[in-house]
mmCIF file of all heavy atoms, coordinates in Angstrom:
data_MODEL
# 
_entry.id   MODEL 
# 
loop_
_atom_site.group_PDB 
_atom_site.id 
_atom_site.type_symbol 
_atom_site.label_atom_id 
_atom_site.label_alt_id 
_atom_site.label_comp_id 
_atom_site.label_asym_id 
_atom_site.label_entity_id 
_atom_site.label_seq_id 
_atom_site.pdbx_PDB_ins_code 
_atom_site.Cartn_x 
_atom_site.Cartn_y 
_atom_site.Cartn_z 
_atom_site.occupancy 
_atom_site.B_iso_or_equiv 
_atom_site.pdbx_formal_charge 
_atom_site.auth_seq_id 
_atom_site.auth_comp_id 
_atom_site.auth_asym_id 
_atom_site.auth_atom_id 
_atom_site.pdbx_PDB_model_num 
ATOM 1   N N   . PRO A 1 1  ? -33.293 -4.263  -11.461 1.00 0.00 ? 1  PRO A N   1 
ATOM 2   C CA  . PRO A 1 1  ? -32.494 -5.060  -10.519 1.00 0.00 ? 1  PRO A CA  1 
ATOM 3   C C   . PRO A 1 1  ? -31.969 -6.357  -11.143 1.00 0.00 ? 1  PRO A C   1 
ATOM 4   O O   . PRO A 1 1  ? -30.847 -6.779  -10.846 1.00 0.00 ? 1  PRO A O   1 
ATOM 5   C CB  . PRO A 1 1  ? -33.481 -5.352  -9.382  1.00 0.00 ? 1  PRO A CB  1 
ATOM 6   C CG  . PRO A 1 1  ? -34.486 -4.267  -9.462  1.00 0.00 ? 1  PRO A CG  1 
ATOM 7   C CD  . PRO A 1 1  ? -34.611 -3.929  -10.910 1.00 0.00 ? 1  PRO A CD  1 
ATOM 8   N N   . TYR A 1 2  ? -32.784 -6.970  -12.009 1.00 0.00 ? 2  TYR A N   1 
ATOM 9   C CA  . TYR A 1 2  ? -32.327 -8.170  -12.706 1.00 0.00 ? 2  TYR A CA  1 
ATOM 10  C C   . TYR A 1 2  ? -31.122 -7.860  -13.584 1.00 0.00 ? 2  TYR A C   1 
ATOM 11  O O   . TYR A 1 2  ? -30.147 -8.623  -13.640 1.00 0.00 ? 2  TYR A O   1 
ATOM 12  C CB  . TYR A 1 2  ? -33.467 -8.731  -13.561 1.00 0.00 ? 2  TYR A CB  1 
ATOM 13  C CG  . TYR A 1 2  ? -33.088 -9.956  -14.354 1.00 0.00 ? 2  TYR A CG  1 
ATOM 14  C CD1 . TYR A 1 2  ? -33.202 -11.228 -13.792 1.00 0.00 ? 2  TYR A CD1 1 
ATOM 15  C CD2 . TYR A 1 2  ? -32.612 -9.852  -15.656 1.00 0.00 ? 2  TYR A CD2 1 
ATOM 16  C CE1 . TYR A 1 2  ? -32.854 -12.362 -14.525 1.00 0.00 ? 2  TYR A CE1 1 
ATOM 17  C CE2 . TYR A 1 2  ? -32.252 -10.967 -16.388 1.00 0.00 ? 2  TYR A CE2 1 
ATOM 18  C CZ  . TYR A 1 2  ? -32.377 -12.217 -15.818 1.00 0.00 ? 2  TYR A CZ  1 
ATOM 19  O OH  . TYR A 1 2  ? -32.017 -13.337 -16.543 1.00 0.00 ? 2  TYR A OH  1 
ATOM 20  N N   . PHE A 1 3  ? -31.170 -6.723  -14.257 1.00 0.00 ? 3  PHE A N   1 
ATOM 21  C CA  . PHE A 1 3  ? -30.059 -6.285  -15.104 1.00 0.00 ? 3  PHE A CA  1 
ATOM 22  C C   . PHE A 1 3  ? -28.784 -6.103  -14.281 1.00 0.00 ? 3  PHE A C   1 
ATOM 23  O O   . PHE A 1 3  ? -27.705 -6.541  -14.669 1.00 0.00 ? 3  PHE A O   1 
ATOM 24  C CB  . PHE A 1 3  ? -30.458 -4.972  -15.798 1.00 0.00 ? 3  PHE A CB  1 
ATOM 25  C CG  . PHE A 1 3  ? -29.325 -4.240  -16.445 1.00 0.00 ? 3  PHE A CG  1 
ATOM 26  C CD1 . PHE A 1 3  ? -28.783 -4.675  -17.642 1.00 0.00 ? 3  PHE A CD1 1 
ATOM 27  C CD2 . PHE A 1 3  ? -28.791 -3.093  -15.853 1.00 0.00 ? 3  PHE A CD2 1 
ATOM 28  C CE1 . PHE A 1 3  ? -27.731 -3.980  -18.248 1.00 0.00 ? 3  PHE A CE1 1 
ATOM 29  C CE2 . PHE A 1 3  ? -27.752 -2.404  -16.448 1.00 0.00 ? 3  PHE A CE2 1 
ATOM 30  C CZ  . PHE A 1 3  ? -27.219 -2.857  -17.646 1.00 0.00 ? 3  PHE A CZ  1 
ATOM 31  N N   . VAL A 1 4  ? -28.915 -5.454  -13.119 1.00 0.00 ? 4  VAL A N   1 
ATOM 32  C CA  . VAL A 1 4  ? -27.746 -5.236  -12.260 1.00 0.00 ? 4  VAL A CA  1 
ATOM 33  C C   . VAL A 1 4  ? -27.179 -6.564  -11.776 1.00 0.00 ? 4  VAL A C   1 
ATOM 34  O O   . VAL A 1 4  ? -25.958 -6.775  -11.768 1.00 0.00 ? 4  VAL A O   1 
ATOM 35  C CB  . VAL A 1 4  ? -28.117 -4.341  -11.060 1.00 0.00 ? 4  VAL A CB  1 
ATOM 36  C CG1 . VAL A 1 4  ? -26.956 -4.241  -10.077 1.00 0.00 ? 4  VAL A CG1 1 
ATOM 37  C CG2 . VAL A 1 4  ? -28.519 -2.949  -11.525 1.00 0.00 ? 4  VAL A CG2 1 
ATOM 38  N N   . ALA A 1 5  ? -28.075 -7.473  -11.367 1.00 0.00 ? 5  ALA A N   1 
ATOM 39  C CA  . ALA A 1 5  ? -27.616 -8.781  -10.901 1.00 0.00 ? 5  ALA A CA  1 
ATOM 40  C C   . ALA A 1 5  ? -26.931 -9.548  -12.022 1.00 0.00 ? 5  ALA A C   1 
ATOM 41  O O   . ALA A 1 5  ? -25.937 -10.254 -11.793 1.00 0.00 ? 5  ALA A O   1 
ATOM 42  C CB  . ALA A 1 5  ? -28.808 -9.579  -10.361 1.00 0.00 ? 5  ALA A CB  1 
ATOM 43  N N   . ASP A 1 6  ? -27.435 -9.387  -13.224 1.00 0.00 ? 6  ASP A N   1 
ATOM 44  C CA  . ASP A 1 6  ? -26.896 -10.109 -14.370 1.00 0.00 ? 6  ASP A CA  1 
ATOM 45  C C   . ASP A 1 6  ? -25.493 -9.618  -14.724 1.00 0.00 ? 6  ASP A C   1 
ATOM 46  O O   . ASP A 1 6  ? -24.539 -10.413 -14.817 1.00 0.00 ? 6  ASP A O   1 
ATOM 47  C CB  . ASP A 1 6  ? -27.844 -9.936  -15.562 1.00 0.00 ? 6  ASP A CB  1 
ATOM 48  C CG  . ASP A 1 6  ? -27.531 -10.896 -16.689 1.00 0.00 ? 6  ASP A CG  1 
ATOM 49  O OD1 . ASP A 1 6  ? -26.675 -11.786 -16.507 1.00 0.00 ? 6  ASP A OD1 1 
ATOM 50  O OD2 . ASP A 1 6  ? -28.147 -10.769 -17.767 1.00 0.00 ? 6  ASP A OD2 1 
ATOM 51  N N   . ILE A 1 7  ? -25.334 -8.315  -14.915 1.00 0.00 ? 7  ILE A N   1 
ATOM 52  C CA  . ILE A 1 7  ? -24.018 -7.806  -15.305 1.00 0.00 ? 7  ILE A CA  1 
ATOM 53  C C   . ILE A 1 7  ? -23.058 -7.792  -14.124 1.00 0.00 ? 7  ILE A C   1 
ATOM 54  O O   . ILE A 1 7  ? -21.838 -7.728  -14.303 1.00 0.00 ? 7  ILE A O   1 
ATOM 55  C CB  . ILE A 1 7  ? -24.107 -6.400  -15.928 1.00 0.00 ? 7  ILE A CB  1 
ATOM 56  C CG1 . ILE A 1 7  ? -24.532 -5.350  -14.893 1.00 0.00 ? 7  ILE A CG1 1 
ATOM 57  C CG2 . ILE A 1 7  ? -25.062 -6.395  -17.111 1.00 0.00 ? 7  ILE A CG2 1 
ATOM 58  C CD1 . ILE A 1 7  ? -24.472 -3.919  -15.424 1.00 0.00 ? 7  ILE A CD1 1 
ATOM 59  N N   . GLY A 1 8  ? -23.606 -7.862  -12.890 1.00 0.00 ? 8  GLY A N   1 
ATOM 60  C CA  . GLY A 1 8  ? -22.753 -7.877  -11.707 1.00 0.00 ? 8  GLY A CA  1 
ATOM 61  C C   . GLY A 1 8  ? -21.886 -9.117  -11.626 1.00 0.00 ? 8  GLY A C   1 
ATOM 62  O O   . GLY A 1 8  ? -20.861 -9.128  -10.934 1.00 0.00 ? 8  GLY A O   1 
ATOM 63  N N   . LYS A 1 9  ? -22.267 -10.165 -12.337 1.00 0.00 ? 9  LYS A N   1 
ATOM 64  C CA  . LYS A 1 9  ? -21.465 -11.392 -12.338 1.00 0.00 ? 9  LYS A CA  1 
ATOM 65  C C   . LYS A 1 9  ? -20.098 -11.181 -12.973 1.00 0.00 ? 9  LYS A C   1 
ATOM 66  O O   . LYS A 1 9  ? -19.120 -11.838 -12.600 1.00 0.00 ? 9  LYS A O   1 
ATOM 67  C CB  . LYS A 1 9  ? -22.216 -12.487 -13.111 1.00 0.00 ? 9  LYS A CB  1 
ATOM 68  C CG  . LYS A 1 9  ? -23.562 -12.862 -12.522 1.00 0.00 ? 9  LYS A CG  1 
ATOM 69  C CD  . LYS A 1 9  ? -24.296 -13.830 -13.437 1.00 0.00 ? 9  LYS A CD  1 
ATOM 70  C CE  . LYS A 1 9  ? -25.690 -14.124 -12.925 1.00 0.00 ? 9  LYS A CE  1 
ATOM 71  N NZ  . LYS A 1 9  ? -26.459 -15.005 -13.837 1.00 0.00 ? 9  LYS A NZ  1 
ATOM 72  N N   . SER A 1 10 ? -20.047 -10.241 -13.924 1.00 0.00 ? 10 SER A N   1 
ATOM 73  C CA  . SER A 1 10 ? -18.788 -10.013 -14.638 1.00 0.00 ? 10 SER A CA  1 
ATOM 74  C C   . SER A 1 10 ? -18.086 -8.722  -14.230 1.00 0.00 ? 10 SER A C   1 
ATOM 75  O O   . SER A 1 10 ? -17.012 -8.419  -14.745 1.00 0.00 ? 10 SER A O   1 
ATOM 76  C CB  . SER A 1 10 ? -19.052 -9.984  -16.150 1.00 0.00 ? 10 SER A CB  1 
ATOM 77  O OG  . SER A 1 10 ? -19.998 -8.987  -16.479 1.00 0.00 ? 10 SER A OG  1 
ATOM 78  N N   . VAL A 1 11 ? -18.709 -7.957  -13.337 1.00 0.00 ? 11 VAL A N   1 
ATOM 79  C CA  . VAL A 1 11 ? -18.113 -6.694  -12.886 1.00 0.00 ? 11 VAL A CA  1 
ATOM 80  C C   . VAL A 1 11 ? -18.001 -6.725  -11.367 1.00 0.00 ? 11 VAL A C   1 
ATOM 81  O O   . VAL A 1 11 ? -18.975 -6.437  -10.663 1.00 0.00 ? 11 VAL A O   1 
ATOM 82  C CB  . VAL A 1 11 ? -18.951 -5.480  -13.334 1.00 0.00 ? 11 VAL A CB  1 
ATOM 83  C CG1 . VAL A 1 11 ? -18.270 -4.186  -12.900 1.00 0.00 ? 11 VAL A CG1 1 
ATOM 84  C CG2 . VAL A 1 11 ? -19.179 -5.496  -14.834 1.00 0.00 ? 11 VAL A CG2 1 
ATOM 85  N N   . PRO A 1 12 ? -16.861 -7.080  -10.796 1.00 0.00 ? 12 PRO A N   1 
ATOM 86  C CA  . PRO A 1 12 ? -16.704 -7.155  -9.334  1.00 0.00 ? 12 PRO A CA  1 
ATOM 87  C C   . PRO A 1 12 ? -17.013 -5.801  -8.681  1.00 0.00 ? 12 PRO A C   1 
ATOM 88  O O   . PRO A 1 12 ? -16.565 -4.753  -9.149  1.00 0.00 ? 12 PRO A O   1 
ATOM 89  C CB  . PRO A 1 12 ? -15.227 -7.530  -9.161  1.00 0.00 ? 12 PRO A CB  1 
ATOM 90  C CG  . PRO A 1 12 ? -14.848 -8.185  -10.448 1.00 0.00 ? 12 PRO A CG  1 
ATOM 91  C CD  . PRO A 1 12 ? -15.643 -7.495  -11.505 1.00 0.00 ? 12 PRO A CD  1 
ATOM 92  N N   . GLY A 1 13 ? -17.774 -5.848  -7.611  1.00 0.00 ? 13 GLY A N   1 
ATOM 93  C CA  . GLY A 1 13 ? -18.092 -4.648  -6.855  1.00 0.00 ? 13 GLY A CA  1 
ATOM 94  C C   . GLY A 1 13 ? -19.335 -3.919  -7.321  1.00 0.00 ? 13 GLY A C   1 
ATOM 95  O O   . GLY A 1 13 ? -19.856 -3.051  -6.608  1.00 0.00 ? 13 GLY A O   1 
ATOM 96  N N   . LEU A 1 14 ? -19.835 -4.258  -8.524  1.00 0.00 ? 14 LEU A N   1 
ATOM 97  C CA  . LEU A 1 14 ? -21.010 -3.558  -9.048  1.00 0.00 ? 14 LEU A CA  1 
ATOM 98  C C   . LEU A 1 14 ? -22.239 -3.811  -8.184  1.00 0.00 ? 14 LEU A C   1 
ATOM 99  O O   . LEU A 1 14 ? -22.983 -2.883  -7.849  1.00 0.00 ? 14 LEU A O   1 
ATOM 100 C CB  . LEU A 1 14 ? -21.281 -3.998  -10.488 1.00 0.00 ? 14 LEU A CB  1 
ATOM 101 C CG  . LEU A 1 14 ? -22.491 -3.344  -11.158 1.00 0.00 ? 14 LEU A CG  1 
ATOM 102 C CD1 . LEU A 1 14 ? -22.261 -1.852  -11.329 1.00 0.00 ? 14 LEU A CD1 1 
ATOM 103 C CD2 . LEU A 1 14 ? -22.767 -3.982  -12.518 1.00 0.00 ? 14 LEU A CD2 1 
ATOM 104 N N   . SER A 1 15 ? -22.455 -5.065  -7.809  1.00 0.00 ? 15 SER A N   1 
ATOM 105 C CA  . SER A 1 15 ? -23.619 -5.404  -6.993  1.00 0.00 ? 15 SER A CA  1 
ATOM 106 C C   . SER A 1 15 ? -23.568 -4.698  -5.645  1.00 0.00 ? 15 SER A C   1 
ATOM 107 O O   . SER A 1 15 ? -24.582 -4.184  -5.155  1.00 0.00 ? 15 SER A O   1 
ATOM 108 C CB  . SER A 1 15 ? -23.695 -6.926  -6.788  1.00 0.00 ? 15 SER A CB  1 
ATOM 109 O OG  . SER A 1 15 ? -23.860 -7.597  -8.008  1.00 0.00 ? 15 SER A OG  1 
ATOM 110 N N   . GLY A 1 16 ? -22.378 -4.662  -5.041  1.00 0.00 ? 16 GLY A N   1 
ATOM 111 C CA  . GLY A 1 16 ? -22.240 -4.016  -3.737  1.00 0.00 ? 16 GLY A CA  1 
ATOM 112 C C   . GLY A 1 16 ? -22.517 -2.527  -3.810  1.00 0.00 ? 16 GLY A C   1 
ATOM 113 O O   . GLY A 1 16 ? -23.199 -1.972  -2.949  1.00 0.00 ? 16 GLY A O   1 
ATOM 114 N N   . LEU A 1 17 ? -22.017 -1.865  -4.856  1.00 0.00 ? 17 LEU A N   1 
ATOM 115 C CA  . LEU A 1 17 ? -22.246 -0.429  -4.990  1.00 0.00 ? 17 LEU A CA  1 
ATOM 116 C C   . LEU A 1 17 ? -23.717 -0.140  -5.265  1.00 0.00 ? 17 LEU A C   1 
ATOM 117 O O   . LEU A 1 17 ? -24.288 0.816   -4.734  1.00 0.00 ? 17 LEU A O   1 
ATOM 118 C CB  . LEU A 1 17 ? -21.377 0.140   -6.111  1.00 0.00 ? 17 LEU A CB  1 
ATOM 119 C CG  . LEU A 1 17 ? -21.455 1.663   -6.291  1.00 0.00 ? 17 LEU A CG  1 
ATOM 120 C CD1 . LEU A 1 17 ? -21.020 2.379   -5.019  1.00 0.00 ? 17 LEU A CD1 1 
ATOM 121 C CD2 . LEU A 1 17 ? -20.587 2.106   -7.471  1.00 0.00 ? 17 LEU A CD2 1 
ATOM 122 N N   . PHE A 1 18 ? -24.343 -0.971  -6.085  1.00 0.00 ? 18 PHE A N   1 
ATOM 123 C CA  . PHE A 1 18 ? -25.772 -0.778  -6.368  1.00 0.00 ? 18 PHE A CA  1 
ATOM 124 C C   . PHE A 1 18 ? -26.601 -0.942  -5.097  1.00 0.00 ? 18 PHE A C   1 
ATOM 125 O O   . PHE A 1 18 ? -27.508 -0.158  -4.824  1.00 0.00 ? 18 PHE A O   1 
ATOM 126 C CB  . PHE A 1 18 ? -26.238 -1.775  -7.424  1.00 0.00 ? 18 PHE A CB  1 
ATOM 127 C CG  . PHE A 1 18 ? -27.730 -1.767  -7.642  1.00 0.00 ? 18 PHE A CG  1 
ATOM 128 C CD1 . PHE A 1 18 ? -28.332 -0.719  -8.326  1.00 0.00 ? 18 PHE A CD1 1 
ATOM 129 C CD2 . PHE A 1 18 ? -28.528 -2.789  -7.154  1.00 0.00 ? 18 PHE A CD2 1 
ATOM 130 C CE1 . PHE A 1 18 ? -29.709 -0.700  -8.530  1.00 0.00 ? 18 PHE A CE1 1 
ATOM 131 C CE2 . PHE A 1 18 ? -29.900 -2.782  -7.344  1.00 0.00 ? 18 PHE A CE2 1 
ATOM 132 C CZ  . PHE A 1 18 ? -30.495 -1.737  -8.036  1.00 0.00 ? 18 PHE A CZ  1 
ATOM 133 N N   . VAL A 1 19 ? -26.282 -1.980  -4.334  1.00 0.00 ? 19 VAL A N   1 
ATOM 134 C CA  . VAL A 1 19 ? -26.991 -2.201  -3.072  1.00 0.00 ? 19 VAL A CA  1 
ATOM 135 C C   . VAL A 1 19 ? -26.802 -1.017  -2.142  1.00 0.00 ? 19 VAL A C   1 
ATOM 136 O O   . VAL A 1 19 ? -27.747 -0.549  -1.492  1.00 0.00 ? 19 VAL A O   1 
ATOM 137 C CB  . VAL A 1 19 ? -26.521 -3.512  -2.400  1.00 0.00 ? 19 VAL A CB  1 
ATOM 138 C CG1 . VAL A 1 19 ? -27.015 -3.594  -0.962  1.00 0.00 ? 19 VAL A CG1 1 
ATOM 139 C CG2 . VAL A 1 19 ? -27.006 -4.710  -3.190  1.00 0.00 ? 19 VAL A CG2 1 
ATOM 140 N N   . ALA A 1 20 ? -25.568 -0.510  -2.063  1.00 0.00 ? 20 ALA A N   1 
ATOM 141 C CA  . ALA A 1 20 ? -25.292 0.645   -1.215  1.00 0.00 ? 20 ALA A CA  1 
ATOM 142 C C   . ALA A 1 20 ? -26.104 1.851   -1.675  1.00 0.00 ? 20 ALA A C   1 
ATOM 143 O O   . ALA A 1 20 ? -26.713 2.565   -0.867  1.00 0.00 ? 20 ALA A O   1 
ATOM 144 C CB  . ALA A 1 20 ? -23.800 0.973   -1.232  1.00 0.00 ? 20 ALA A CB  1 
ATOM 145 N N   . GLY A 1 21 ? -26.129 2.086   -2.994  1.00 0.00 ? 21 GLY A N   1 
ATOM 146 C CA  . GLY A 1 21 ? -26.882 3.214   -3.520  1.00 0.00 ? 21 GLY A CA  1 
ATOM 147 C C   . GLY A 1 21 ? -28.366 3.090   -3.264  1.00 0.00 ? 21 GLY A C   1 
ATOM 148 O O   . GLY A 1 21 ? -29.042 4.062   -2.889  1.00 0.00 ? 21 GLY A O   1 
ATOM 149 N N   . LEU A 1 22 ? -28.902 1.896   -3.447  1.00 0.00 ? 22 LEU A N   1 
ATOM 150 C CA  . LEU A 1 22 ? -30.333 1.687   -3.236  1.00 0.00 ? 22 LEU A CA  1 
ATOM 151 C C   . LEU A 1 22 ? -30.690 1.817   -1.762  1.00 0.00 ? 22 LEU A C   1 
ATOM 152 O O   . LEU A 1 22 ? -31.729 2.385   -1.401  1.00 0.00 ? 22 LEU A O   1 
ATOM 153 C CB  . LEU A 1 22 ? -30.740 0.308   -3.762  1.00 0.00 ? 22 LEU A CB  1 
ATOM 154 C CG  . LEU A 1 22 ? -32.227 0.102   -4.033  1.00 0.00 ? 22 LEU A CG  1 
ATOM 155 C CD1 . LEU A 1 22 ? -32.725 1.099   -5.061  1.00 0.00 ? 22 LEU A CD1 1 
ATOM 156 C CD2 . LEU A 1 22 ? -32.488 -1.318  -4.508  1.00 0.00 ? 22 LEU A CD2 1 
ATOM 157 N N   . CYS A 1 23 ? -29.822 1.273   -0.902  1.00 0.00 ? 23 CYS A N   1 
ATOM 158 C CA  . CYS A 1 23 ? -30.069 1.399   0.543   1.00 0.00 ? 23 CYS A CA  1 
ATOM 159 C C   . CYS A 1 23 ? -30.044 2.860   0.978   1.00 0.00 ? 23 CYS A C   1 
ATOM 160 O O   . CYS A 1 23 ? -30.894 3.294   1.773   1.00 0.00 ? 23 CYS A O   1 
ATOM 161 C CB  . CYS A 1 23 ? -29.017 0.612   1.329   1.00 0.00 ? 23 CYS A CB  1 
ATOM 162 S SG  . CYS A 1 23 ? -29.374 -1.135  1.484   1.00 0.00 ? 23 CYS A SG  1 
ATOM 163 N N   . THR A 1 24 ? -29.085 3.620   0.472   1.00 0.00 ? 24 THR A N   1 
ATOM 164 C CA  . THR A 1 24 ? -29.007 5.020   0.870   1.00 0.00 ? 24 THR A CA  1 
ATOM 165 C C   . THR A 1 24 ? -30.213 5.805   0.365   1.00 0.00 ? 24 THR A C   1 
ATOM 166 O O   . THR A 1 24 ? -30.728 6.684   1.056   1.00 0.00 ? 24 THR A O   1 
ATOM 167 C CB  . THR A 1 24 ? -27.723 5.674   0.342   1.00 0.00 ? 24 THR A CB  1 
ATOM 168 O OG1 . THR A 1 24 ? -27.644 5.496   -1.078  1.00 0.00 ? 24 THR A OG1 1 
ATOM 169 C CG2 . THR A 1 24 ? -26.491 5.071   0.982   1.00 0.00 ? 24 THR A CG2 1 
ATOM 170 N N   . ALA A 1 25 ? -30.672 5.496   -0.853  1.00 0.00 ? 25 ALA A N   1 
ATOM 171 C CA  . ALA A 1 25 ? -31.864 6.163   -1.372  1.00 0.00 ? 25 ALA A CA  1 
ATOM 172 C C   . ALA A 1 25 ? -33.075 5.855   -0.499  1.00 0.00 ? 25 ALA A C   1 
ATOM 173 O O   . ALA A 1 25 ? -33.905 6.726   -0.213  1.00 0.00 ? 25 ALA A O   1 
ATOM 174 C CB  . ALA A 1 25 ? -32.124 5.733   -2.814  1.00 0.00 ? 25 ALA A CB  1 
ATOM 175 N N   . THR A 1 26 ? -33.172 4.602   -0.063  1.00 0.00 ? 26 THR A N   1 
ATOM 176 C CA  . THR A 1 26 ? -34.289 4.197   0.792   1.00 0.00 ? 26 THR A CA  1 
ATOM 177 C C   . THR A 1 26 ? -34.218 4.892   2.140   1.00 0.00 ? 26 THR A C   1 
ATOM 178 O O   . THR A 1 26 ? -35.215 5.428   2.642   1.00 0.00 ? 26 THR A O   1 
ATOM 179 C CB  . THR A 1 26 ? -34.274 2.668   1.005   1.00 0.00 ? 26 THR A CB  1 
ATOM 180 O OG1 . THR A 1 26 ? -34.225 2.017   -0.261  1.00 0.00 ? 26 THR A OG1 1 
ATOM 181 C CG2 . THR A 1 26 ? -35.509 2.218   1.761   1.00 0.00 ? 26 THR A CG2 1 
# 
Protein backbone atom coordinates (compact mmCIF):
# COMPACT_ATOMS: atom_id res chain seq x y z
CA PRO A 1 0.00 0.00 0.00
CA TYR A 2 2.89 2.38 0.70
CA PHE A 3 4.23 1.68 -2.79
CA VAL A 4 0.83 2.43 -4.36
CA ALA A 5 0.50 5.65 -2.37
CA ASP A 6 4.01 6.65 -3.36
CA ILE A 7 3.74 6.13 -7.12
CA GLY A 8 0.13 7.37 -7.06
CA LYS A 9 1.46 10.90 -6.63
CA SER A 10 2.77 10.86 -10.19
CA VAL A 11 0.08 8.69 -11.81
CA PRO A 12 -3.40 10.33 -11.70
CA GLY A 13 -6.18 7.84 -11.01
CA LEU A 14 -3.88 5.07 -9.77
CA SER A 15 -4.84 5.51 -6.12
CA GLY A 16 -8.55 5.54 -6.96
CA LEU A 17 -8.35 2.37 -9.04
CA PHE A 18 -6.31 0.59 -6.37
CA VAL A 19 -8.81 1.59 -3.70
CA ALA A 20 -11.66 0.38 -5.91
CA GLY A 21 -9.90 -2.93 -6.51
CA LEU A 22 -9.12 -3.46 -2.84
CA CYS A 23 -12.66 -2.54 -1.80
CA THR A 24 -14.15 -4.95 -4.31
CA ALA A 25 -11.83 -7.74 -3.16
CA THR A 26 -12.90 -7.09 0.43
